[in-house]
């Protein structure tokens, strides 16, 4: 084989590998982003437990101690 052919095959192989890695990482990113939930975060004022509940709930009861809490603001 000629050196030019080997160089061209090497470049095409590297570009194909980069394209495959890019497509695979984009596919994985889209799969993870789809699973993000819209739940609200709550923190209990008595026991300090951090938990989530539905986005439509304004106040939630702590599953550990039973106190009603408002949503946690970051």
Protein backbone atom coordinates (compact mmCIF):
# COMPACT_ATOMS: atom_id res chain seq x y z
CA UNK A 1 0.00 0.00 0.00
CA UNK A 2 1.03 3.53 -0.63
CA UNK A 3 1.72 5.85 2.31
CA UNK A 4 -0.96 8.25 1.07
CA UNK A 5 -3.57 5.48 1.20
CA UNK A 6 -2.55 4.48 4.72
CA UNK A 7 -2.72 8.10 5.87
CA UNK A 8 -6.16 8.57 4.30
CA UNK A 9 -7.45 5.36 5.92
CA UNK A 10 -6.08 6.48 9.31
CA UNK A 11 -7.77 9.90 9.02
CA UNK A 12 -11.08 8.37 7.94
CA UNK A 13 -10.89 5.90 10.83
CA UNK A 14 -10.21 8.63 13.39
CA UNK A 15 -13.05 10.78 12.02
CA UNK A 16 -15.44 7.80 12.09
CA UNK A 17 -14.49 7.11 15.71
CA UNK A 18 -15.06 10.75 16.66
CA UNK A 19 -18.44 10.76 14.92
CA UNK A 20 -19.45 7.57 16.74
CA UNK A 21 -18.40 8.97 20.15
CA UNK A 22 -20.27 12.22 19.47
CA UNK A 23 -23.46 10.45 18.41
CA UNK A 24 -23.32 8.07 21.37
CA UNK A 25 -22.80 10.86 23.92
CA UNK A 26 -25.64 12.91 22.40
CA UNK A 27 -27.96 9.89 22.55
CA UNK A 28 -27.07 9.30 26.22
CA UNK A 29 -27.56 13.00 27.08
CA UNK A 30 -31.02 13.04 25.53
CA UNK A 31 -31.99 9.85 27.35
CA UNK A 32 -30.96 11.31 30.74
CA UNK A 33 -32.61 14.70 30.19
CA UNK A 34 -35.90 13.05 29.35
CA UNK A 35 -36.07 11.46 32.81
CA UNK A 36 -35.83 14.73 34.74
CA UNK A 37 -38.88 15.12 36.92
CA UNK A 38 -40.71 18.33 37.77
CA UNK A 39 -41.09 17.50 41.47
CA UNK A 40 -40.69 20.13 44.17
CA UNK A 41 -38.06 19.81 46.90
CA UNK A 42 -39.13 20.04 50.54
CA UNK A 43 -37.07 20.19 53.73
CA UNK A 44 -38.64 19.36 57.08
CA UNK A 45 -38.24 22.04 59.75
CA UNK A 46 -38.28 19.47 62.58
CA UNK A 47 -36.20 16.50 61.48
CA UNK A 48 -34.29 18.08 58.55
CA UNK A 49 -35.29 15.40 56.02
CA UNK A 50 -35.05 16.54 52.40
CA UNK A 51 -37.70 14.93 50.16
CA UNK A 52 -39.67 15.57 46.96
CA UNK A 53 -43.36 15.73 46.13
CA UNK A 54 -45.47 16.59 43.08
CA UNK A 55 -45.01 20.00 41.44
CA UNK A 56 -48.67 20.95 42.03
CA UNK A 57 -48.40 20.53 45.83
CA UNK A 58 -47.85 23.75 47.82
CA UNK A 59 -47.43 22.07 51.20
CA UNK A 60 -46.30 18.52 51.84
CA UNK A 61 -46.29 16.23 54.87
CA UNK A 62 -42.88 14.91 55.92
CA UNK A 63 -42.75 11.12 55.44
CA UNK A 64 -40.50 10.71 58.50
CA UNK A 65 -42.11 12.85 61.24
CA UNK A 66 -45.41 14.02 59.73
CA UNK A 67 -44.87 17.80 59.90
CA UNK A 68 -46.36 19.87 57.05
CA UNK A 69 -43.71 21.88 55.18
CA UNK A 70 -43.56 24.42 52.39
CA UNK A 71 -41.28 24.01 49.35
CA UNK A 72 -37.55 24.57 49.82
CA UNK A 73 -36.14 27.58 47.97
CA UNK A 74 -32.56 27.35 46.71
